[in-house]
């Protein structure tokens, strides 16, 4: 848990972390936001970070799906 008035260390940009770490960070963000003990400014920053990571994960999964479709079509 993040202590009031103490900012968490700045997380790495989405492109700098593997997919699994993105999901883990998203889960951490949800926990912090659900806690309700974070200042509004911090909550907004975390929400923005979460949206960026969510978009990154969505794009990553779309690329993975396209790759699977390509592999399946080659093996059909």
N, C-alpha and C. Protein backbone atom coordinates (compact mmCIF):
# COMPACT_ATOMS: atom_id res chain seq x y z
N UNK A 1 0.83 -1.17 0.00
CA UNK A 1 0.00 0.00 0.00
C UNK A 1 0.88 1.24 0.00
N UNK A 2 0.43 2.25 -0.70
CA UNK A 2 1.18 3.50 -0.76
C UNK A 2 0.77 4.37 0.42
N UNK A 3 1.73 4.90 1.12
CA UNK A 3 1.43 5.76 2.25
C UNK A 3 0.97 7.12 1.72
N UNK A 4 0.01 7.76 2.42
CA UNK A 4 -0.42 9.09 1.99
C UNK A 4 0.77 10.04 1.91
N UNK A 5 0.71 10.93 0.94
CA UNK A 5 1.75 11.94 0.71
C UNK A 5 3.07 11.36 0.24
N UNK A 6 3.09 10.10 -0.11
CA UNK A 6 4.31 9.50 -0.65
C UNK A 6 3.98 8.94 -2.02
N UNK A 7 4.63 9.46 -3.03
CA UNK A 7 4.39 8.99 -4.39
C UNK A 7 5.12 7.68 -4.60
N UNK A 8 4.49 6.77 -5.34
CA UNK A 8 5.20 5.54 -5.67
C UNK A 8 6.31 5.86 -6.66
N UNK A 9 7.29 4.97 -6.74
CA UNK A 9 8.35 5.20 -7.71
C UNK A 9 7.73 5.23 -9.11
N UNK A 10 8.32 6.04 -9.97
CA UNK A 10 7.78 6.18 -11.32
C UNK A 10 7.93 4.87 -12.06
N UNK A 11 6.81 4.30 -12.52
CA UNK A 11 6.88 3.03 -13.24
C UNK A 11 7.48 3.22 -14.63
N UNK A 12 7.98 2.12 -15.15
CA UNK A 12 8.53 2.16 -16.50
C UNK A 12 7.41 2.33 -17.50
N UNK A 13 7.76 2.84 -18.66
CA UNK A 13 6.80 3.00 -19.74
C UNK A 13 6.32 1.62 -20.18
N UNK A 14 5.08 1.52 -20.71
CA UNK A 14 4.55 0.23 -21.13
C UNK A 14 5.48 -0.55 -22.06
N UNK A 15 6.09 0.13 -23.02
CA UNK A 15 6.95 -0.58 -23.97
C UNK A 15 8.19 -1.18 -23.32
N UNK A 16 8.50 -0.74 -22.10
CA UNK A 16 9.71 -1.21 -21.41
C UNK A 16 9.49 -2.46 -20.56
N UNK A 17 8.23 -2.92 -20.46
CA UNK A 17 7.92 -4.07 -19.62
C UNK A 17 7.26 -5.17 -20.43
N UNK A 18 7.50 -6.43 -20.08
CA UNK A 18 6.80 -7.52 -20.77
C UNK A 18 5.31 -7.50 -20.44
N UNK A 19 4.53 -8.19 -21.26
CA UNK A 19 3.08 -8.22 -21.12
C UNK A 19 2.65 -8.61 -19.70
N UNK A 20 3.26 -9.65 -19.15
CA UNK A 20 2.88 -10.13 -17.83
C UNK A 20 3.09 -9.06 -16.76
N UNK A 21 4.16 -8.29 -16.89
CA UNK A 21 4.43 -7.21 -15.94
C UNK A 21 3.39 -6.09 -16.10
N UNK A 22 2.92 -5.89 -17.33
CA UNK A 22 1.87 -4.90 -17.58
C UNK A 22 0.61 -5.27 -16.81
N UNK A 23 0.23 -6.54 -16.91
CA UNK A 23 -0.97 -7.02 -16.22
C UNK A 23 -0.81 -6.88 -14.71
N UNK A 24 0.36 -7.23 -14.22
CA UNK A 24 0.61 -7.12 -12.79
C UNK A 24 0.50 -5.66 -12.33
N UNK A 25 1.06 -4.74 -13.11
CA UNK A 25 0.99 -3.32 -12.76
C UNK A 25 -0.47 -2.83 -12.80
N UNK A 26 -1.23 -3.29 -13.79
CA UNK A 26 -2.64 -2.92 -13.86
C UNK A 26 -3.39 -3.39 -12.61
N UNK A 27 -3.08 -4.59 -12.15
CA UNK A 27 -3.70 -5.11 -10.93
C UNK A 27 -3.32 -4.25 -9.72
N UNK A 28 -2.06 -3.81 -9.66
CA UNK A 28 -1.62 -2.94 -8.57
C UNK A 28 -2.39 -1.62 -8.60
N UNK A 29 -2.55 -1.07 -9.79
CA UNK A 29 -3.27 0.20 -9.94
C UNK A 29 -4.70 0.05 -9.45
N UNK A 30 -5.35 -1.04 -9.85
CA UNK A 30 -6.74 -1.27 -9.42
C UNK A 30 -6.82 -1.35 -7.89
N UNK A 31 -5.88 -2.06 -7.28
CA UNK A 31 -5.86 -2.17 -5.82
C UNK A 31 -5.73 -0.80 -5.16
N UNK A 32 -4.82 0.01 -5.68
CA UNK A 32 -4.60 1.34 -5.10
C UNK A 32 -5.85 2.20 -5.27
N UNK A 33 -6.44 2.16 -6.46
CA UNK A 33 -7.64 2.98 -6.70
C UNK A 33 -8.81 2.50 -5.85
N UNK A 34 -8.93 1.19 -5.69
CA UNK A 34 -10.01 0.64 -4.88
C UNK A 34 -9.84 0.97 -3.39
N UNK A 35 -8.60 1.12 -2.98
CA UNK A 35 -8.29 1.42 -1.58
C UNK A 35 -8.98 2.72 -1.14
N UNK A 36 -9.01 3.69 -2.02
CA UNK A 36 -9.68 4.95 -1.72
C UNK A 36 -8.93 5.86 -0.77
N UNK A 37 -7.71 5.54 -0.44
CA UNK A 37 -6.93 6.35 0.49
C UNK A 37 -5.87 7.19 -0.21
N UNK A 38 -5.98 7.28 -1.52
CA UNK A 38 -4.99 8.00 -2.31
C UNK A 38 -5.56 9.38 -2.66
N UNK A 39 -4.70 10.36 -2.70
CA UNK A 39 -5.11 11.71 -3.06
C UNK A 39 -5.66 11.73 -4.49
N UNK A 40 -6.57 12.64 -4.75
CA UNK A 40 -7.23 12.71 -6.04
C UNK A 40 -6.23 12.88 -7.19
N UNK A 41 -5.25 13.74 -7.02
CA UNK A 41 -4.25 13.93 -8.08
C UNK A 41 -3.52 12.64 -8.40
N UNK A 42 -3.18 11.90 -7.36
CA UNK A 42 -2.49 10.62 -7.54
C UNK A 42 -3.41 9.61 -8.22
N UNK A 43 -4.68 9.63 -7.81
CA UNK A 43 -5.65 8.71 -8.43
C UNK A 43 -5.79 8.99 -9.93
N UNK A 44 -5.83 10.26 -10.28
CA UNK A 44 -5.94 10.62 -11.70
C UNK A 44 -4.70 10.18 -12.48
N UNK A 45 -3.54 10.36 -11.88
CA UNK A 45 -2.30 9.93 -12.53
C UNK A 45 -2.29 8.41 -12.71
N UNK A 46 -2.73 7.69 -11.69
CA UNK A 46 -2.78 6.23 -11.78
C UNK A 46 -3.80 5.77 -12.81
N UNK A 47 -4.93 6.45 -12.87
CA UNK A 47 -5.95 6.12 -13.87
C UNK A 47 -5.39 6.31 -15.27
N UNK A 48 -4.70 7.42 -15.48
CA UNK A 48 -4.09 7.68 -16.79
C UNK A 48 -3.06 6.60 -17.13
N UNK A 49 -2.22 6.25 -16.16
CA UNK A 49 -1.23 5.19 -16.38
C UNK A 49 -1.93 3.88 -16.72
N UNK A 50 -2.98 3.57 -15.97
CA UNK A 50 -3.72 2.34 -16.22
C UNK A 50 -4.31 2.29 -17.62
N UNK A 51 -4.84 3.41 -18.07
CA UNK A 51 -5.41 3.46 -19.42
C UNK A 51 -4.33 3.23 -20.48
N UNK A 52 -3.16 3.81 -20.28
CA UNK A 52 -2.05 3.61 -21.23
C UNK A 52 -1.62 2.15 -21.26
N UNK A 53 -1.51 1.56 -20.08
CA UNK A 53 -1.10 0.15 -20.02
C UNK A 53 -2.17 -0.76 -20.59
N UNK A 54 -3.42 -0.42 -20.36
CA UNK A 54 -4.52 -1.20 -20.90
C UNK A 54 -4.49 -1.16 -22.43
N UNK A 55 -4.26 0.01 -22.99
CA UNK A 55 -4.17 0.16 -24.45
C UNK A 55 -3.00 -0.66 -24.99
N UNK A 56 -1.87 -0.59 -24.32
CA UNK A 56 -0.70 -1.36 -24.74
C UNK A 56 -1.03 -2.86 -24.74
N UNK A 57 -1.68 -3.34 -23.68
CA UNK A 57 -2.02 -4.76 -23.58
C UNK A 57 -3.01 -5.16 -24.67
N UNK A 58 -3.97 -4.31 -24.93
CA UNK A 58 -4.95 -4.59 -25.98
C UNK A 58 -4.25 -4.73 -27.34
N UNK A 59 -3.36 -3.80 -27.64
CA UNK A 59 -2.63 -3.85 -28.91
C UNK A 59 -1.74 -5.09 -28.98
N UNK A 60 -1.10 -5.43 -27.87
CA UNK A 60 -0.24 -6.61 -27.81
C UNK A 60 -1.05 -7.87 -28.11
N UNK A 61 -2.24 -7.97 -27.49
CA UNK A 61 -3.08 -9.15 -27.70
C UNK A 61 -3.61 -9.21 -29.13
N UNK A 62 -3.91 -8.06 -29.71
CA UNK A 62 -4.37 -8.04 -31.10
C UNK A 62 -3.27 -8.54 -32.04
N UNK A 63 -2.04 -8.12 -31.78
CA UNK A 63 -0.92 -8.59 -32.60
C UNK A 63 -0.71 -10.10 -32.43
N UNK A 64 -0.84 -10.57 -31.20
CA UNK A 64 -0.69 -12.00 -30.93
C UNK A 64 -1.77 -12.78 -31.66
N UNK A 65 -2.99 -12.28 -31.62
CA UNK A 65 -4.09 -12.94 -32.32
C UNK A 65 -3.84 -13.00 -33.82
N UNK A 66 -3.36 -11.92 -34.39
CA UNK A 66 -3.05 -11.89 -35.82
C UNK A 66 -1.96 -12.91 -36.15
N UNK A 67 -0.99 -13.03 -35.27
CA UNK A 67 0.09 -13.99 -35.48
C UNK A 67 -0.45 -15.43 -35.46
N UNK A 68 -1.34 -15.72 -34.53
CA UNK A 68 -1.95 -17.06 -34.44
C UNK A 68 -2.73 -17.34 -35.72
N UNK A 69 -3.49 -16.37 -36.18
CA UNK A 69 -4.28 -16.55 -37.41
C UNK A 69 -3.36 -16.82 -38.59
N UNK A 70 -2.26 -16.10 -38.67
CA UNK A 70 -1.29 -16.31 -39.75
C UNK A 70 -0.69 -17.71 -39.68
N UNK A 71 -0.32 -18.13 -38.51
CA UNK A 71 0.26 -19.47 -38.34
C UNK A 71 -0.76 -20.53 -38.72
N UNK A 72 -1.99 -20.36 -38.29
CA UNK A 72 -3.05 -21.34 -38.63
C UNK A 72 -3.28 -21.40 -40.13
N UNK A 73 -3.27 -20.24 -40.77
CA UNK A 73 -3.52 -20.24 -42.22
C UNK A 73 -2.38 -20.91 -42.99
N UNK A 74 -1.17 -20.80 -42.49
CA UNK A 74 -0.03 -21.45 -43.14
C UNK A 74 -0.08 -22.95 -42.98
N UNK A 75 -0.69 -23.41 -41.89
CA UNK A 75 -0.74 -24.84 -41.60
C UNK A 75 -2.04 -25.51 -42.04
N UNK A 76 -2.88 -24.77 -42.74
CA UNK A 76 -4.16 -25.33 -43.19
C UNK A 76 -4.04 -25.98 -44.55
